Each structure stands twice: as C-alpha cells, then as structure tokens.
C-alpha cells in the first residue's frame, strides 16, 4: 500500500511518467524488504505486481497480485510446520 498506493499517487501528482513510477516503486519495494541477497528476486517478483497497478490504475489489483504471489510459499510453510507435509531428510 505504501509503494503502489501512497508513493505511486504522489509521483502521479507530480506528473512523473508512469513507466518511471513503475520502475521507482518496483525498485524501492524490492530494496525495502532489507534482504540484500534476495533483492534481485524481489525485483523480478515486483514486476507483475507493478504492472497490475499500472495497467488497471487500481491499487486493489496489485494487492491481490501480491497476495497471490505470497500464497503458495505461505501454504507450504504452514503445511511443513504443522506436519501435514512430510519433510524428507536424506543423509
């Protein structure tokens, strides 16, 4: 909401080009996770989220895209930690 909502609207208000807004908010979103090694991956993941915002003009679409992206890893983590998904350790 901060990057695709508040910052995006602020840059639109200043009449920045929408592709520049997309690039700036995507880069800042990736860096703000404070995971240096994962920043390139986060940048790649932020592209469809930013495109959803840019092409629809709607914050909700980027929120849904972000949730969809986070759903499968969160589900896998839940299943692993509850024991519903067995972990095979070879050694």
N, C-alpha and C. Protein backbone atom coordinates (compact mmCIF):
# COMPACT_ATOMS: atom_id res chain seq x y z
N UNK A 1 0.81 -1.19 0.00
CA UNK A 1 0.00 0.00 0.00
C UNK A 1 0.86 1.26 0.00
N UNK A 2 2.02 1.15 0.63
CA UNK A 2 2.90 2.32 0.69
C UNK A 2 3.48 2.61 -0.70
N UNK A 3 3.99 1.58 -1.35
CA UNK A 3 4.68 1.79 -2.62
C UNK A 3 3.72 1.93 -3.80
N UNK A 4 2.76 1.04 -3.90
CA UNK A 4 1.82 1.06 -5.03
C UNK A 4 0.63 1.99 -4.78
N UNK A 5 0.49 2.45 -3.55
CA UNK A 5 -0.59 3.35 -3.21
C UNK A 5 -0.11 4.77 -2.99
N UNK A 6 0.46 5.01 -1.82
CA UNK A 6 0.86 6.36 -1.42
C UNK A 6 1.94 6.93 -2.34
N UNK A 7 3.04 6.20 -2.49
CA UNK A 7 4.14 6.71 -3.32
C UNK A 7 3.71 6.85 -4.77
N UNK A 8 3.02 5.85 -5.30
CA UNK A 8 2.57 5.89 -6.70
C UNK A 8 1.71 7.13 -6.94
N UNK A 9 0.74 7.37 -6.05
CA UNK A 9 -0.14 8.53 -6.23
C UNK A 9 0.62 9.84 -6.10
N UNK A 10 1.58 9.88 -5.17
CA UNK A 10 2.39 11.09 -5.02
C UNK A 10 3.18 11.40 -6.28
N UNK A 11 3.77 10.38 -6.88
CA UNK A 11 4.54 10.59 -8.11
C UNK A 11 3.62 10.94 -9.29
N UNK A 12 2.42 10.37 -9.30
CA UNK A 12 1.43 10.77 -10.32
C UNK A 12 1.05 12.24 -10.14
N UNK A 13 0.91 12.64 -8.91
CA UNK A 13 0.56 14.03 -8.62
C UNK A 13 1.63 14.98 -9.15
N UNK A 14 2.89 14.56 -9.08
CA UNK A 14 3.99 15.37 -9.59
C UNK A 14 4.17 15.19 -11.09
N UNK A 15 3.26 14.44 -11.72
CA UNK A 15 3.22 14.22 -13.17
C UNK A 15 4.45 13.47 -13.71
N UNK A 16 4.92 12.49 -12.93
CA UNK A 16 6.00 11.63 -13.42
C UNK A 16 5.43 10.69 -14.48
N UNK A 17 6.27 10.27 -15.38
CA UNK A 17 5.89 9.29 -16.38
C UNK A 17 5.52 7.98 -15.69
N UNK A 18 4.48 7.31 -16.17
CA UNK A 18 4.01 6.10 -15.48
C UNK A 18 5.04 4.97 -15.49
N UNK A 19 5.88 4.90 -16.53
CA UNK A 19 6.92 3.86 -16.56
C UNK A 19 8.02 4.17 -15.54
N UNK A 20 8.29 5.43 -15.33
CA UNK A 20 9.27 5.82 -14.31
C UNK A 20 8.71 5.51 -12.92
N UNK A 21 7.43 5.82 -12.72
CA UNK A 21 6.78 5.50 -11.45
C UNK A 21 6.85 3.99 -11.21
N UNK A 22 6.54 3.21 -12.23
CA UNK A 22 6.61 1.75 -12.13
C UNK A 22 8.02 1.31 -11.72
N UNK A 23 9.04 1.84 -12.37
CA UNK A 23 10.42 1.45 -12.08
C UNK A 23 10.84 1.86 -10.68
N UNK A 24 10.53 3.08 -10.29
CA UNK A 24 10.93 3.59 -8.97
C UNK A 24 10.24 2.81 -7.86
N UNK A 25 8.92 2.63 -7.98
CA UNK A 25 8.20 1.91 -6.91
C UNK A 25 8.61 0.45 -6.85
N UNK A 26 8.91 -0.17 -8.00
CA UNK A 26 9.36 -1.56 -8.00
C UNK A 26 10.72 -1.70 -7.32
N UNK A 27 11.63 -0.80 -7.65
CA UNK A 27 12.96 -0.84 -7.05
C UNK A 27 12.89 -0.60 -5.54
N UNK A 28 12.14 0.40 -5.14
CA UNK A 28 12.04 0.70 -3.70
C UNK A 28 11.33 -0.42 -2.94
N UNK A 29 10.31 -1.02 -3.55
CA UNK A 29 9.63 -2.15 -2.94
C UNK A 29 10.61 -3.29 -2.68
N UNK A 30 11.46 -3.57 -3.65
CA UNK A 30 12.43 -4.66 -3.54
C UNK A 30 13.48 -4.37 -2.47
N UNK A 31 13.98 -3.16 -2.46
CA UNK A 31 15.01 -2.77 -1.50
C UNK A 31 14.45 -2.70 -0.08
N UNK A 32 13.20 -2.29 0.05
CA UNK A 32 12.59 -2.10 1.38
C UNK A 32 12.43 -3.40 2.16
N UNK A 33 12.51 -4.52 1.49
CA UNK A 33 12.44 -5.80 2.21
C UNK A 33 13.70 -6.05 3.04
N UNK A 34 14.74 -5.29 2.77
CA UNK A 34 16.01 -5.36 3.51
C UNK A 34 16.62 -6.77 3.49
N UNK A 35 16.52 -7.41 2.35
CA UNK A 35 17.12 -8.73 2.15
C UNK A 35 18.04 -8.62 0.94
N UNK A 36 19.27 -8.21 1.18
CA UNK A 36 20.20 -7.89 0.11
C UNK A 36 20.35 -9.01 -0.92
N UNK A 37 20.48 -10.24 -0.45
CA UNK A 37 20.68 -11.35 -1.38
C UNK A 37 19.43 -11.65 -2.21
N UNK A 38 18.27 -11.37 -1.66
CA UNK A 38 17.02 -11.64 -2.37
C UNK A 38 16.51 -10.45 -3.16
N UNK A 39 17.17 -9.31 -3.09
CA UNK A 39 16.68 -8.11 -3.77
C UNK A 39 16.46 -8.32 -5.27
N UNK A 40 17.37 -8.97 -6.00
CA UNK A 40 17.09 -9.20 -7.43
C UNK A 40 15.83 -10.04 -7.66
N UNK A 41 15.64 -11.08 -6.85
CA UNK A 41 14.43 -11.90 -6.97
C UNK A 41 13.20 -11.08 -6.64
N UNK A 42 13.27 -10.29 -5.59
CA UNK A 42 12.14 -9.44 -5.22
C UNK A 42 11.82 -8.43 -6.31
N UNK A 43 12.85 -7.95 -6.99
CA UNK A 43 12.62 -7.03 -8.11
C UNK A 43 11.86 -7.73 -9.22
N UNK A 44 12.26 -8.94 -9.55
CA UNK A 44 11.56 -9.71 -10.59
C UNK A 44 10.11 -9.96 -10.19
N UNK A 45 9.91 -10.33 -8.93
CA UNK A 45 8.56 -10.59 -8.44
C UNK A 45 7.71 -9.32 -8.41
N UNK A 46 8.34 -8.19 -8.18
CA UNK A 46 7.58 -6.94 -8.10
C UNK A 46 7.11 -6.45 -9.47
N UNK A 47 7.67 -6.98 -10.53
CA UNK A 47 7.28 -6.53 -11.88
C UNK A 47 5.81 -6.79 -12.18
N UNK A 48 5.30 -8.04 -12.04
CA UNK A 48 3.88 -8.23 -12.33
C UNK A 48 2.96 -7.48 -11.36
N UNK A 49 3.41 -7.31 -10.13
CA UNK A 49 2.61 -6.57 -9.16
C UNK A 49 2.50 -5.11 -9.60
N UNK A 50 3.62 -4.53 -10.02
CA UNK A 50 3.61 -3.15 -10.50
C UNK A 50 2.85 -2.98 -11.80
N UNK A 51 2.97 -3.96 -12.68
CA UNK A 51 2.23 -3.90 -13.95
C UNK A 51 0.73 -3.97 -13.70
N UNK A 52 0.33 -4.77 -12.73
CA UNK A 52 -1.09 -4.85 -12.38
C UNK A 52 -1.59 -3.47 -11.95
N UNK A 53 -0.79 -2.78 -11.16
CA UNK A 53 -1.17 -1.43 -10.71
C UNK A 53 -1.19 -0.45 -11.87
N UNK A 54 -0.18 -0.53 -12.72
CA UNK A 54 -0.05 0.44 -13.80
C UNK A 54 -1.17 0.28 -14.84
N UNK A 55 -1.45 -0.94 -15.25
CA UNK A 55 -2.41 -1.13 -16.33
C UNK A 55 -3.86 -0.99 -15.89
N UNK A 56 -4.15 -1.23 -14.62
CA UNK A 56 -5.53 -1.08 -14.15
C UNK A 56 -5.78 0.27 -13.49
N UNK A 57 -4.70 0.90 -13.01
CA UNK A 57 -4.87 2.15 -12.28
C UNK A 57 -5.49 1.93 -10.91
N UNK A 58 -5.47 0.69 -10.45
CA UNK A 58 -6.17 0.33 -9.23
C UNK A 58 -5.21 -0.34 -8.26
N UNK A 59 -5.16 0.13 -7.04
CA UNK A 59 -4.30 -0.44 -6.01
C UNK A 59 -4.72 -1.86 -5.66
N UNK A 60 -6.02 -2.13 -5.66
CA UNK A 60 -6.50 -3.46 -5.27
C UNK A 60 -5.92 -4.57 -6.14
N UNK A 61 -5.75 -4.32 -7.43
CA UNK A 61 -5.20 -5.37 -8.30
C UNK A 61 -3.77 -5.72 -7.90
N UNK A 62 -2.99 -4.74 -7.51
CA UNK A 62 -1.62 -5.05 -7.09
C UNK A 62 -1.61 -5.75 -5.73
N UNK A 63 -2.55 -5.43 -4.87
CA UNK A 63 -2.65 -6.11 -3.58
C UNK A 63 -3.01 -7.58 -3.80
N UNK A 64 -3.95 -7.84 -4.69
CA UNK A 64 -4.35 -9.22 -5.00
C UNK A 64 -3.18 -9.97 -5.65
N UNK A 65 -2.46 -9.32 -6.56
CA UNK A 65 -1.30 -9.96 -7.19
C UNK A 65 -0.23 -10.28 -6.15
N UNK A 66 -0.01 -9.39 -5.21
CA UNK A 66 0.97 -9.62 -4.14
C UNK A 66 0.53 -10.78 -3.25
N UNK A 67 -0.74 -10.82 -2.90
CA UNK A 67 -1.26 -11.92 -2.08
C UNK A 67 -1.15 -13.25 -2.81
N UNK A 68 -1.47 -13.26 -4.09
CA UNK A 68 -1.36 -14.49 -4.88
C UNK A 68 0.08 -14.98 -4.92
N UNK A 69 1.01 -14.06 -5.06
CA UNK A 69 2.43 -14.41 -5.07
C UNK A 69 2.87 -15.01 -3.73
N UNK A 70 2.37 -14.49 -2.64
CA UNK A 70 2.77 -14.96 -1.31
C UNK A 70 2.02 -16.21 -0.85
N UNK A 71 0.91 -16.55 -1.52
CA UNK A 71 0.06 -17.63 -1.04
C UNK A 71 0.73 -19.00 -1.04
N UNK A 72 1.32 -19.42 -2.15
CA UNK A 72 1.89 -20.76 -2.22
C UNK A 72 3.05 -20.98 -1.24
N UNK A 73 4.01 -20.06 -1.14
CA UNK A 73 5.05 -20.26 -0.13
C UNK A 73 4.49 -20.27 1.30
N UNK A 74 3.50 -19.43 1.56
CA UNK A 74 2.90 -19.41 2.90
C UNK A 74 2.18 -20.72 3.19
N UNK A 75 1.48 -21.24 2.20
CA UNK A 75 0.78 -22.51 2.36
C UNK A 75 1.78 -23.65 2.60
N UNK A 76 2.86 -23.67 1.83
CA UNK A 76 3.88 -24.70 2.00
C UNK A 76 4.50 -24.62 3.39
N UNK A 77 4.79 -23.42 3.86
CA UNK A 77 5.36 -23.24 5.20
C UNK A 77 4.39 -23.71 6.27
N UNK A 78 3.12 -23.38 6.10
CA UNK A 78 2.10 -23.82 7.04
C UNK A 78 2.03 -25.35 7.09
N UNK A 79 2.00 -25.98 5.92
CA UNK A 79 1.91 -27.44 5.87
C UNK A 79 3.15 -28.11 6.44
N UNK A 80 4.32 -27.52 6.20
CA UNK A 80 5.56 -28.08 6.75
C UNK A 80 5.62 -27.96 8.27
N UNK A 81 5.26 -26.80 8.78
CA UNK A 81 5.37 -26.57 10.23
C UNK A 81 4.30 -27.30 11.03
N UNK A 82 3.18 -27.64 10.41
CA UNK A 82 2.14 -28.38 11.13
C UNK A 82 2.30 -29.88 10.97
N UNK A 83 3.25 -30.30 10.13
CA UNK A 83 3.47 -31.73 9.90
C UNK A 83 2.55 -32.33 8.87
N UNK A 84 1.72 -31.53 8.25
CA UNK A 84 0.80 -32.05 7.24
C UNK A 84 1.54 -32.42 5.96
N UNK A 85 2.70 -31.85 5.77
CA UNK A 85 3.53 -32.15 4.60
C UNK A 85 4.84 -32.72 5.13
N UNK A 86 5.12 -33.99 4.85
CA UNK A 86 6.34 -34.59 5.41
C UNK A 86 7.60 -34.02 4.79
N UNK A 87 8.61 -33.90 5.62
CA UNK A 87 9.91 -33.42 5.16
C UNK A 87 10.84 -34.63 5.07
N UNK A 88 11.41 -34.84 3.91
CA UNK A 88 12.33 -35.96 3.73
C UNK A 88 13.76 -35.47 3.87
N UNK A 89 14.48 -36.03 4.81
CA UNK A 89 15.87 -35.66 5.02
C UNK A 89 16.74 -36.84 4.61
N UNK A 90 17.58 -36.59 3.62
CA UNK A 90 18.48 -37.65 3.18
C UNK A 90 19.87 -37.36 3.73
N UNK A 91 20.57 -38.36 4.02
CA UNK A 91 21.86 -38.05 4.58
C UNK A 91 22.75 -39.18 4.64
